[in-house]
Amino acid sequence: MAILPSAAAAAYQAVAKMGGSSTAGAATSSAMPANFTDFLSNAVKDSMGSIKAGEQAAMQQTAGHADVVNVVTAVNNAELTLDTVVAVRDKVISAYQSIMQMPI
């Protein structure tokens, strides 16, 4: 399974938005979720928001109320988010299958 460069770039952007960059100060580190469950929950909410924004932009363009550049940008962001979610899902499934194949 190959990971597309665009999906990797979207994943890096998502981490940067969450304050995960090494240049972030102490103020942003306190905004990080307390545990992995909260981190995943926030990531899923962000990805759903990105996909919904793409859908809304497409609907506005259909009605003739949106700029084409903004619509293409929103739809592209939604596509990258979906690609990232699918890549993470595939890795989780692969890890689960590897664990299940381990001898006890």
PDB file of N, CA and C in Angstrom:
ATOM      1  N   MET A   1       0.842  -1.177   0.000  1.00  0.00           N
ATOM      2  CA  MET A   1       0.000   0.000   0.000  1.00  0.00           C
ATOM      3  C   MET A   1       0.884   1.236   0.000  1.00  0.00           C
ATOM      4  N   ALA A   2       0.685   2.116  -0.939  1.00  0.00           N
ATOM      5  CA  ALA A   2       1.462   3.344  -1.039  1.00  0.00           C
ATOM      6  C   ALA A   2       0.647   4.509  -0.491  1.00  0.00           C
ATOM      7  N   ILE A   3       1.321   5.372   0.229  1.00  0.00           N
ATOM      8  CA  ILE A   3       0.679   6.565   0.759  1.00  0.00           C
ATOM      9  C   ILE A   3       1.010   7.712  -0.178  1.00  0.00           C
ATOM     10  N   LEU A   4       0.001   8.384  -0.645  1.00  0.00           N
ATOM     11  CA  LEU A   4       0.184   9.487  -1.575  1.00  0.00           C
ATOM     12  C   LEU A   4       0.846  10.669  -0.876  1.00  0.00           C
ATOM     13  N   PRO A   5       1.694  11.406  -1.570  1.00  0.00           N
ATOM     14  CA  PRO A   5       2.317  12.587  -0.970  1.00  0.00           C
ATOM     15  C   PRO A   5       1.292  13.612  -0.501  1.00  0.00           C
ATOM     16  N   SER A   6       0.188  13.722  -1.230  1.00  0.00           N
ATOM     17  CA  SER A   6      -0.839  14.686  -0.819  1.00  0.00           C
ATOM     18  C   SER A   6      -1.482  14.280   0.505  1.00  0.00           C
ATOM     19  N   ALA A   7      -1.641  12.968   0.735  1.00  0.00           N
ATOM     20  CA  ALA A   7      -2.197  12.499   1.998  1.00  0.00           C
ATOM     21  C   ALA A   7      -1.224  12.747   3.140  1.00  0.00           C
ATOM     22  N   ALA A   8       0.065  12.539   2.877  1.00  0.00           N
ATOM     23  CA  ALA A   8       1.066  12.803   3.903  1.00  0.00           C
ATOM     24  C   ALA A   8       1.112  14.291   4.241  1.00  0.00           C
ATOM     25  N   ALA A   9       1.022  15.133   3.223  1.00  0.00           N
ATOM     26  CA  ALA A   9       1.029  16.573   3.458  1.00  0.00           C
ATOM     27  C   ALA A   9      -0.183  16.994   4.278  1.00  0.00           C
ATOM     28  N   ALA A  10      -1.337  16.401   3.983  1.00  0.00           N
ATOM     29  CA  ALA A  10      -2.543  16.728   4.747  1.00  0.00           C
ATOM     30  C   ALA A  10      -2.406  16.281   6.198  1.00  0.00           C
ATOM     31  N   ALA A  11      -1.776  15.141   6.418  1.00  0.00           N
ATOM     32  CA  ALA A  11      -1.575  14.663   7.781  1.00  0.00           C
ATOM     33  C   ALA A  11      -0.649  15.604   8.547  1.00  0.00           C
ATOM     34  N   TYR A  12       0.423  16.059   7.893  1.00  0.00           N
ATOM     35  CA  TYR A  12       1.331  17.003   8.545  1.00  0.00           C
ATOM     36  C   TYR A  12       0.622  18.323   8.859  1.00  0.00           C
ATOM     37  N   GLN A  13      -0.230  18.773   7.950  1.00  0.00           N
ATOM     38  CA  GLN A  13      -0.968  20.006   8.199  1.00  0.00           C
ATOM     39  C   GLN A  13      -1.932  19.836   9.368  1.00  0.00           C
ATOM     40  N   ALA A  14      -2.561  18.668   9.450  1.00  0.00           N
ATOM     41  CA  ALA A  14      -3.493  18.431  10.552  1.00  0.00           C
ATOM     42  C   ALA A  14      -2.765  18.425  11.880  1.00  0.00           C
ATOM     43  N   VAL A  15      -1.589  17.828  11.917  1.00  0.00           N
ATOM     44  CA  VAL A  15      -0.807  17.815  13.158  1.00  0.00           C
ATOM     45  C   VAL A  15      -0.363  19.221  13.509  1.00  0.00           C
ATOM     46  N   ALA A  16       0.029  20.000  12.511  1.00  0.00           N
ATOM     47  CA  ALA A  16       0.448  21.369  12.772  1.00  0.00           C
ATOM     48  C   ALA A  16      -0.696  22.203  13.330  1.00  0.00           C
ATOM     49  N   LYS A  17      -1.915  21.967  12.823  1.00  0.00           N
ATOM     50  CA  LYS A  17      -3.082  22.695  13.336  1.00  0.00           C
ATOM     51  C   LYS A  17      -3.376  22.337  14.782  1.00  0.00           C
ATOM     52  N   MET A  18      -3.059  21.082  15.158  1.00  0.00           N
ATOM     53  CA  MET A  18      -3.322  20.635  16.522  1.00  0.00           C
ATOM     54  C   MET A  18      -2.235  21.075  17.489  1.00  0.00           C
ATOM     55  N   GLY A  19      -1.208  21.770  16.984  1.00  0.00           N
ATOM     56  CA  GLY A  19      -0.155  22.235  17.880  1.00  0.00           C
ATOM     57  C   GLY A  19       0.923  21.207  18.071  1.00  0.00           C
ATOM     58  N   GLY A  20       1.057  20.267  17.175  1.00  0.00           N
ATOM     59  CA  GLY A  20       2.041  19.205  17.336  1.00  0.00           C
ATOM     60  C   GLY A  20       3.396  19.532  16.760  1.00  0.00           C
ATOM     61  N   SER A  21       3.623  20.742  16.249  1.00  0.00           N
ATOM     62  CA  SER A  21       4.923  21.068  15.685  1.00  0.00           C
ATOM     63  C   SER A  21       5.928  21.324  16.791  1.00  0.00           C
ATOM     64  N   SER A  22       7.202  21.099  16.492  1.00  0.00           N
ATOM     65  CA  SER A  22       8.238  21.234  17.509  1.00  0.00           C
ATOM     66  C   SER A  22       8.511  22.684  17.856  1.00  0.00           C
ATOM     67  N   THR A  23       8.081  23.632  17.046  1.00  0.00           N
ATOM     68  CA  THR A  23       8.307  25.039  17.324  1.00  0.00           C
ATOM     69  C   THR A  23       7.204  25.641  18.173  1.00  0.00           C
ATOM     70  N   ALA A  24       6.210  24.853  18.535  1.00  0.00           N
ATOM     71  CA  ALA A  24       5.101  25.369  19.332  1.00  0.00           C
ATOM     72  C   ALA A  24       5.577  25.663  20.743  1.00  0.00           C
ATOM     73  N   GLY A  25       5.044  26.709  21.314  1.00  0.00           N
ATOM     74  CA  GLY A  25       5.438  27.106  22.659  1.00  0.00           C
ATOM     75  C   GLY A  25       4.692  26.328  23.717  1.00  0.00           C
ATOM     76  N   ALA A  26       4.973  26.681  24.971  1.00  0.00           N
ATOM     77  CA  ALA A  26       4.345  25.993  26.095  1.00  0.00           C
ATOM     78  C   ALA A  26       2.851  26.277  26.160  1.00  0.00           C
ATOM     79  N   ALA A  27       2.424  27.414  25.608  1.00  0.00           N
ATOM     80  CA  ALA A  27       1.001  27.754  25.644  1.00  0.00           C
ATOM     81  C   ALA A  27       0.186  26.792  24.797  1.00  0.00           C
ATOM     82  N   THR A  28       0.728  26.342  23.651  1.00  0.00           N
ATOM     83  CA  THR A  28      -0.025  25.432  22.812  1.00  0.00           C
ATOM     84  C   THR A  28       0.037  24.014  23.334  1.00  0.00           C
ATOM     85  N   SER A  29       1.081  23.667  24.084  1.00  0.00           N
ATOM     86  CA  SER A  29       1.168  22.302  24.603  1.00  0.00           C
ATOM     87  C   SER A  29       0.115  22.042  25.665  1.00  0.00           C
ATOM     88  N   SER A  30      -0.371  23.091  26.353  1.00  0.00           N
ATOM     89  CA  SER A  30      -1.419  22.899  27.340  1.00  0.00           C
ATOM     90  C   SER A  30      -2.776  22.684  26.678  1.00  0.00           C
ATOM     91  N   ALA A  31      -2.886  23.051  25.383  1.00  0.00           N
ATOM     92  CA  ALA A  31      -4.141  22.873  24.662  1.00  0.00           C
ATOM     93  C   ALA A  31      -4.265  21.472  24.069  1.00  0.00           C
ATOM     94  N   MET A  32      -3.220  20.659  24.151  1.00  0.00           N
ATOM     95  CA  MET A  32      -3.253  19.300  23.620  1.00  0.00           C
ATOM     96  C   MET A  32      -4.180  18.440  24.472  1.00  0.00           C
ATOM     97  N   PRO A  33      -4.820  17.467  23.868  1.00  0.00           N
ATOM     98  CA  PRO A  33      -5.707  16.586  24.619  1.00  0.00           C
ATOM     99  C   PRO A  33      -4.944  15.804  25.692  1.00  0.00           C
ATOM    100  N   ALA A  34      -5.649  15.445  26.743  1.00  0.00           N
ATOM    101  CA  ALA A  34      -5.021  14.771  27.874  1.00  0.00           C
ATOM    102  C   ALA A  34      -4.672  13.322  27.556  1.00  0.00           C
ATOM    103  N   ASN A  35      -5.430  12.681  26.686  1.00  0.00           N
ATOM    104  CA  ASN A  35      -5.143  11.285  26.384  1.00  0.00           C
ATOM    105  C   ASN A  35      -5.372  11.006  24.900  1.00  0.00           C
ATOM    106  N   PHE A  36      -5.036   9.789  24.497  1.00  0.00           N
ATOM    107  CA  PHE A  36      -5.113   9.416  23.089  1.00  0.00           C
ATOM    108  C   PHE A  36      -6.556   9.390  22.591  1.00  0.00           C
ATOM    109  N   THR A  37      -7.483   9.013  23.454  1.00  0.00           N
ATOM    110  CA  THR A  37      -8.895   8.985  23.060  1.00  0.00           C
ATOM    111  C   THR A  37      -9.381  10.382  22.689  1.00  0.00           C
ATOM    112  N   ASP A  38      -9.019  11.367  23.491  1.00  0.00           N
ATOM    113  CA  ASP A  38      -9.405  12.746  23.180  1.00  0.00           C
ATOM    114  C   ASP A  38      -8.747  13.215  21.886  1.00  0.00           C
ATOM    115  N   PHE A  39      -7.488  12.818  21.688  1.00  0.00           N
ATOM    116  CA  PHE A  39      -6.780  13.185  20.463  1.00  0.00           C
ATOM    117  C   PHE A  39      -7.500  12.629  19.236  1.00  0.00           C
ATOM    118  N   LEU A  40      -7.869  11.343  19.286  1.00  0.00           N
ATOM    119  CA  LEU A  40      -8.575  10.729  18.160  1.00  0.00           C
ATOM    120  C   LEU A  40      -9.950  11.355  17.955  1.00  0.00           C
ATOM    121  N   SER A  41     -10.634  11.627  19.041  1.00  0.00           N
ATOM    122  CA  SER A  41     -11.956  12.244  18.949  1.00  0.00           C
ATOM    123  C   SER A  41     -11.868  13.615  18.278  1.00  0.00           C
ATOM    124  N   ASN A  42     -10.888  14.401  18.678  1.00  0.00           N
ATOM    125  CA  ASN A  42     -10.709  15.723  18.066  1.00  0.00           C
ATOM    126  C   ASN A  42     -10.327  15.604  16.597  1.00  0.00           C
ATOM    127  N   ALA A  43      -9.485  14.633  16.270  1.00  0.00           N
ATOM    128  CA  ALA A  43      -9.079  14.444  14.875  1.00  0.00           C
ATOM    129  C   ALA A  43     -10.268  14.047  14.005  1.00  0.00           C
ATOM    130  N   VAL A  44     -11.131  13.185  14.523  1.00  0.00           N
ATOM    131  CA  VAL A  44     -12.312  12.775  13.765  1.00  0.00           C
ATOM    132  C   VAL A  44     -13.260  13.955  13.574  1.00  0.00           C
ATOM    133  N   LYS A  45     -13.446  14.747  14.624  1.00  0.00           N
ATOM    134  CA  LYS A  45     -14.314  15.925  14.512  1.00  0.00           C
ATOM    135  C   LYS A  45     -13.764  16.920  13.491  1.00  0.00           C
ATOM    136  N   ASP A  46     -12.435  17.121  13.501  1.00  0.00           N
ATOM    137  CA  ASP A  46     -11.820  18.034  12.532  1.00  0.00           C
ATOM    138  C   ASP A  46     -11.990  17.523  11.109  1.00  0.00           C
ATOM    139  N   SER A  47     -11.812  16.213  10.932  1.00  0.00           N
ATOM    140  CA  SER A  47     -11.946  15.656   9.583  1.00  0.00           C
ATOM    141  C   SER A  47     -13.390  15.736   9.105  1.00  0.00           C
ATOM    142  N   MET A  48     -14.335  15.488   9.981  1.00  0.00           N
ATOM    143  CA  MET A  48     -15.748  15.612   9.597  1.00  0.00           C
ATOM    144  C   MET A  48     -16.083  17.054   9.240  1.00  0.00           C
ATOM    145  N   GLY A  49     -15.522  18.000   9.981  1.00  0.00           N
ATOM    146  CA  GLY A  49     -15.743  19.413   9.680  1.00  0.00           C
ATOM    147  C   GLY A  49     -15.183  19.805   8.329  1.00  0.00           C
ATOM    148  N   SER A  50     -14.010  19.275   7.999  1.00  0.00           N
ATOM    149  CA  SER A  50     -13.404  19.568   6.699  1.00  0.00           C
ATOM    150  C   SER A  50     -14.246  19.006   5.563  1.00  0.00           C
ATOM    151  N   ILE A  51     -14.740  17.796   5.736  1.00  0.00           N
ATOM    152  CA  ILE A  51     -15.565  17.175   4.698  1.00  0.00           C
ATOM    153  C   ILE A  51     -16.891  17.921   4.545  1.00  0.00           C
ATOM    154  N   LYS A  52     -17.492  18.320   5.662  1.00  0.00           N
ATOM    155  CA  LYS A  52     -18.743  19.078   5.597  1.00  0.00           C
ATOM    156  C   LYS A  52     -18.540  20.440   4.941  1.00  0.00           C
ATOM    157  N   ALA A  53     -17.384  21.065   5.198  1.00  0.00           N
ATOM    158  CA  ALA A  53     -17.099  22.357   4.568  1.00  0.00           C
ATOM    159  C   ALA A  53     -16.983  22.197   3.054  1.00  0.00           C
ATOM    160  N   GLY A  54     -16.388  21.106   2.610  1.00  0.00           N
ATOM    161  CA  GLY A  54     -16.297  20.842   1.173  1.00  0.00           C
ATOM    162  C   GLY A  54     -17.664  20.630   0.559  1.00  0.00           C
ATOM    163  N   GLU A  55     -18.513  19.897   1.269  1.00  0.00           N
ATOM    164  CA  GLU A  55     -19.874  19.671   0.773  1.00  0.00           C
ATOM    165  C   GLU A  55     -20.654  20.975   0.694  1.00  0.00           C
ATOM    166  N   GLN A  56     -20.538  21.809   1.732  1.00  0.00           N
ATOM    167  CA  GLN A  56     -21.264  23.075   1.741  1.00  0.00           C
ATOM    168  C   GLN A  56     -20.789  23.999   0.618  1.00  0.00           C
ATOM    169  N   ALA A  57     -19.470  24.012   0.386  1.00  0.00           N
ATOM    170  CA  ALA A  57     -18.938  24.852  -0.684  1.00  0.00           C
ATOM    171  C   ALA A  57     -19.452  24.368  -2.043  1.00  0.00           C
ATOM    172  N   ALA A  58     -19.511  23.058  -2.220  1.00  0.00           N
ATOM    173  CA  ALA A  58     -20.025  22.520  -3.485  1.00  0.00           C
ATOM    174  C   ALA A  58     -21.500  22.865  -3.660  1.00  0.00           C
ATOM    175  N   MET A  59     -22.262  22.796  -2.588  1.00  0.00           N
ATOM    176  CA  MET A  59     -23.678  23.148  -2.660  1.00  0.00           C
ATOM    177  C   MET A  59     -23.861  24.629  -2.972  1.00  0.00           C
ATOM    178  N   GLN A  60     -23.025  25.494  -2.380  1.00  0.00           N
ATOM    179  CA  GLN A  60     -23.114  26.920  -2.664  1.00  0.00           C
ATOM    180  C   GLN A  60     -22.757  27.214  -4.119  1.00  0.00           C
ATOM    181  N   GLN A  61     -21.773  26.477  -4.657  1.00  0.00           N
ATOM    182  CA  GLN A  61     -21.405  26.666  -6.064  1.00  0.00           C
ATOM    183  C   GLN A  61     -22.541  26.231  -6.976  1.00  0.00           C
ATOM    184  N   THR A  62     -23.222  25.157  -6.601  1.00  0.00           N
ATOM    185  CA  THR A  62     -24.341  24.682  -7.407  1.00  0.00           C
ATOM    186  C   THR A  62     -25.447  25.730  -7.457  1.00  0.00           C
ATOM    187  N   ALA A  63     -25.620  26.410  -6.333  1.00  0.00           N
ATOM    188  CA  ALA A  63     -26.634  27.458  -6.280  1.00  0.00           C
ATOM    189  C   ALA A  63     -26.140  28.762  -6.909  1.00  0.00           C
ATOM    190  N   GLY A  64     -24.840  28.832  -7.231  1.00  0.00           N
ATOM    191  CA  GLY A  64     -24.288  30.022  -7.858  1.00  0.00           C
ATOM    192  C   GLY A  64     -23.862  31.098  -6.897  1.00  0.00           C
ATOM    193  N   HIS A  65     -23.605  30.733  -5.625  1.00  0.00           N
ATOM    194  CA  HIS A  65     -23.267  31.736  -4.621  1.00  0.00           C
ATOM    195  C   HIS A  65     -21.834  31.643  -4.135  1.00  0.00           C
ATOM    196  N   ALA A  66     -20.965  30.890  -4.806  1.00  0.00           N
ATOM    197  CA  ALA A  66     -19.601  30.724  -4.315  1.00  0.00           C
ATOM    198  C   ALA A  66     -18.599  30.886  -5.443  1.00  0.00           C
ATOM    199  N   ASP A  67     -17.388  31.284  -5.054  1.00  0.00           N
ATOM    200  CA  ASP A  67     -16.286  31.424  -5.999  1.00  0.00           C
ATOM    201  C   ASP A  67     -15.720  30.046  -6.321  1.00  0.00           C
ATOM    202  N   VAL A  68     -15.387  29.821  -7.564  1.00  0.00           N
ATOM    203  CA  VAL A  68     -14.892  28.511  -8.002  1.00  0.00           C
ATOM    204  C   VAL A  68     -13.594  28.152  -7.293  1.00  0.00           C
ATOM    205  N   VAL A  69     -12.719  29.125  -7.077  1.00  0.00           N
ATOM    206  CA  VAL A  69     -11.433  28.853  -6.421  1.00  0.00           C
ATOM    207  C   VAL A  69     -11.667  28.365  -4.989  1.00  0.00           C
ATOM    208  N   ASN A  70     -12.576  29.011  -4.280  1.00  0.00           N
ATOM    209  CA  ASN A  70     -12.874  28.588  -2.910  1.00  0.00           C
ATOM    210  C   ASN A  70     -13.492  27.199  -2.880  1.00  0.00           C
ATOM    211  N   VAL A  71     -14.325  26.902  -3.847  1.00  0.00           N
ATOM    212  CA  VAL A  71     -14.961  25.584  -3.904  1.00  0.00           C
ATOM    213  C   VAL A  71     -13.924  24.510  -4.173  1.00  0.00           C
ATOM    214  N   VAL A  72     -13.047  24.760  -5.131  1.00  0.00           N
ATOM    215  CA  VAL A  72     -12.009  23.774  -5.451  1.00  0.00           C
ATOM    216  C   VAL A  72     -11.096  23.559  -4.259  1.00  0.00           C
ATOM    217  N   THR A  73     -10.734  24.626  -3.555  1.00  0.00           N
ATOM    218  CA  THR A  73      -9.885  24.509  -2.374  1.00  0.00           C
ATOM    219  C   THR A  73     -10.574  23.704  -1.282  1.00  0.00           C
ATOM    220  N   ALA A  74     -11.832  23.989  -1.017  1.00  0.00           N
ATOM    221  CA  ALA A  74     -12.565  23.269   0.031  1.00  0.00           C
ATOM    222  C   ALA A  74     -12.750  21.797  -0.325  1.00  0.00           C
ATOM    223  N   VAL A  75     -13.078  21.522  -1.569  1.00  0.00           N
ATOM    224  CA  VAL A  75     -13.263  20.128  -1.992  1.00  0.00           C
ATOM    225  C   VAL A  75     -11.935  19.383  -1.966  1.00  0.00           C
ATOM    226  N   ASN A  76     -10.843  20.033  -2.359  1.00  0.00           N
ATOM    227  CA  ASN A  76      -9.527  19.414  -2.308  1.00  0.00           C
ATOM    228  C   ASN A  76      -9.119  19.115  -0.875  1.00  0.00           C
ATOM    229  N   ASN A  77      -9.390  20.039   0.047  1.00  0.00           N
ATOM    230  CA  ASN A  77      -9.100  19.794   1.466  1.00  0.00           C
ATOM    231  C   ASN A  77      -9.913  18.611   1.983  1.00  0.00           C
ATOM    232  N   ALA A  78     -11.153  18.534   1.578  1.00  0.00           N
ATOM    233  CA  ALA A  78     -11.992  17.410   2.001  1.00  0.00           C
ATOM    234  C   ALA A  78     -11.453  16.094   1.443  1.00  0.00           C
ATOM    235  N   GLU A  79     -10.995  16.114   0.192  1.00  0.00           N
ATOM    236  CA  GLU A  79     -10.440  14.902  -0.412  1.00  0.00           C
ATOM    237  C   GLU A  79      -9.164  14.469   0.289  1.00  0.00           C
ATOM    238  N   LEU A  80      -8.297  15.415   0.604  1.00  0.00           N
ATOM    239  CA  LEU A  80      -7.068  15.090   1.324  1.00  0.00           C
ATOM    240  C   LEU A  80      -7.367  14.546   2.718  1.00  0.00           C
ATOM    241  N   THR A  81      -8.352  15.115   3.368  1.00  0.00           N
ATOM    242  CA  THR A  81      -8.743  14.632   4.688  1.00  0.00           C
ATOM    243  C   THR A  81      -9.263  13.210   4.596  1.00  0.00           C
ATOM    244  N   LEU A  82     -10.090  12.939   3.606  1.00  0.00           N
ATOM    245  CA  LEU A  82     -10.612  11.589   3.431  1.00  0.00           C
ATOM    246  C   LEU A  82      -9.489  10.603   3.124  1.00  0.00           C
ATOM    247  N   ASP A  83      -8.533  11.002   2.276  1.00  0.00           N
ATOM    248  CA  ASP A  83      -7.388  10.135   1.984  1.00  0.00           C
ATOM    249  C   ASP A  83      -6.581   9.839   3.242  1.00  0.00           C
ATOM    250  N   THR A  84      -6.406  10.840   4.094  1.00  0.00           N
ATOM    251  CA  THR A  84      -5.666  10.646   5.338  1.00  0.00           C
ATOM    252  C   THR A  84      -6.409   9.699   6.270  1.00  0.00           C
ATOM    253  N   VAL A  85      -7.722   9.875   6.383  1.00  0.00           N
ATOM    254  CA  VAL A  85      -8.523   9.004   7.250  1.00  0.00           C
ATOM    255  C   VAL A  85      -8.457   7.561   6.751  1.00  0.00           C
ATOM    256  N   VAL A  86      -8.536   7.371   5.451  1.00  0.00           N
ATOM    257  CA  VAL A  86      -8.468   6.018   4.887  1.00  0.00           C
ATOM    258  C   VAL A  86      -7.092   5.412   5.133  1.00  0.00           C
ATOM    259  N   ALA A  87      -6.025   6.204   4.995  1.00  0.00           N
ATOM    260  CA  ALA A  87      -4.673   5.692   5.241  1.00  0.00           C
ATOM    261  C   ALA A  87      -4.492   5.289   6.702  1.00  0.00           C
ATOM    262  N   VAL A  88      -5.003   6.100   7.611  1.00  0.00           N
ATOM    263  CA  VAL A  88      -4.909   5.760   9.043  1.00  0.00           C
ATOM    264  C   VAL A  88      -5.733   4.517   9.335  1.00  0.00           C
ATOM    265  N   ARG A  89      -6.923   4.426   8.761  1.00  0.00           N
ATOM    266  CA  ARG A  89      -7.755   3.236   8.954  1.00  0.00           C
ATOM    267  C   ARG A  89      -7.046   1.979   8.469  1.00  0.00           C
ATOM    268  N   ASP A  90      -6.418   2.064   7.303  1.00  0.00           N
ATOM    269  CA  ASP A  90      -5.702   0.911   6.764  1.00  0.00           C
ATOM    270  C   ASP A  90      -4.553   0.494   7.671  1.00  0.00           C
ATOM    271  N   LYS A  91      -3.843   1.461   8.234  1.00  0.00           N
ATOM    272  CA  LYS A  91      -2.742   1.145   9.153  1.00  0.00           C
ATOM    273  C   LYS A  91      -3.263   0.499  10.436  1.00  0.00           C
ATOM    274  N   VAL A  92      -4.383   0.975  10.945  1.00  0.00           N
ATOM    275  CA  VAL A  92      -4.971   0.395  12.159  1.00  0.00           C
ATOM    276  C   VAL A  92      -5.408  -1.039  11.897  1.00  0.00           C
ATOM    277  N   ILE A  93      -6.031  -1.276  10.764  1.00  0.00           N
ATOM    278  CA  ILE A  93      -6.461  -2.634  10.419  1.00  0.00           C
ATOM    279  C   ILE A  93      -5.258  -3.547  10.247  1.00  0.00           C
ATOM    280  N   SER A  94      -4.215  -3.056   9.610  1.00  0.00           N
ATOM    281  CA  SER A  94      -2.996  -3.838   9.425  1.00  0.00           C
ATOM    282  C   SER A  94      -2.357  -4.183  10.769  1.00  0.00           C
ATOM    283  N   ALA A  95      -2.315  -3.221  11.675  1.00  0.00           N
ATOM    284  CA  ALA A  95      -1.750  -3.476  12.998  1.00  0.00           C
ATOM    285  C   ALA A  95      -2.597  -4.489  13.759  1.00  0.00           C
ATOM    286  N   TYR A  96      -3.906  -4.368  13.670  1.00  0.00           N
ATOM    287  CA  TYR A  96      -4.802  -5.323  14.340  1.00  0.00           C
ATOM    288  C   TYR A  96      -4.589  -6.732  13.800  1.00  0.00           C
ATOM    289  N   GLN A  97      -4.481  -6.860  12.475  1.00  0.00           N
ATOM    290  CA  GLN A  97      -4.270  -8.174  11.886  1.00  0.00           C
ATOM    291  C   GLN A  97      -2.920  -8.750  12.292  1.00  0.00           C
ATOM    292  N   SER A  98      -1.905  -7.923  12.410  1.00  0.00           N
ATOM    293  CA  SER A  98      -0.605  -8.402  12.856  1.00  0.00           C
ATOM    294  C   SER A  98      -0.657  -8.888  14.292  1.00  0.00           C
ATOM    295  N   ILE A  99      -1.379  -8.168  15.125  1.00  0.00           N
ATOM    296  CA  ILE A  99      -1.506  -8.577  16.525  1.00  0.00           C
ATOM    297  C   ILE A  99      -2.276  -9.892  16.634  1.00  0.00           C
ATOM    298  N   MET A 100      -3.316 -10.019  15.828  1.00  0.00           N
ATOM    299  CA  MET A 100      -4.120 -11.245  15.896  1.00  0.00           C
ATOM    300  C   MET A 100      -3.349 -12.470  15.383  1.00  0.00           C
ATOM    301  N   GLN A 101      -2.362 -12.278  14.536  1.00  0.00           N
ATOM    302  CA  GLN A 101      -1.597 -13.397  14.011  1.00  0.00           C
ATOM    303  C   GLN A 101      -0.435 -13.792  14.917  1.00  0.00           C
ATOM    304  N   MET A 102      -0.189 -13.014  15.976  1.00  0.00           N
ATOM    305  CA  MET A 102       0.902 -13.351  16.906  1.00  0.00           C
ATOM    306  C   MET A 102       0.529 -14.588  17.711  1.00  0.00           C
ATOM    307  N   PRO A 103       1.496 -15.475  17.900  1.00  0.00           N
ATOM    308  CA  PRO A 103       1.209 -16.643  18.745  1.00  0.00           C
ATOM    309  C   PRO A 103       1.124 -16.252  20.209  1.00  0.00           C
ATOM    310  N   ILE A 104       0.301 -16.966  20.923  1.00  0.00           N
ATOM    311  CA  ILE A 104       0.126 -16.659  22.353  1.00  0.00           C
ATOM    312  C   ILE A 104       1.177 -17.359  23.174  1.00  0.00           C
TER     313      ILE A 104
END
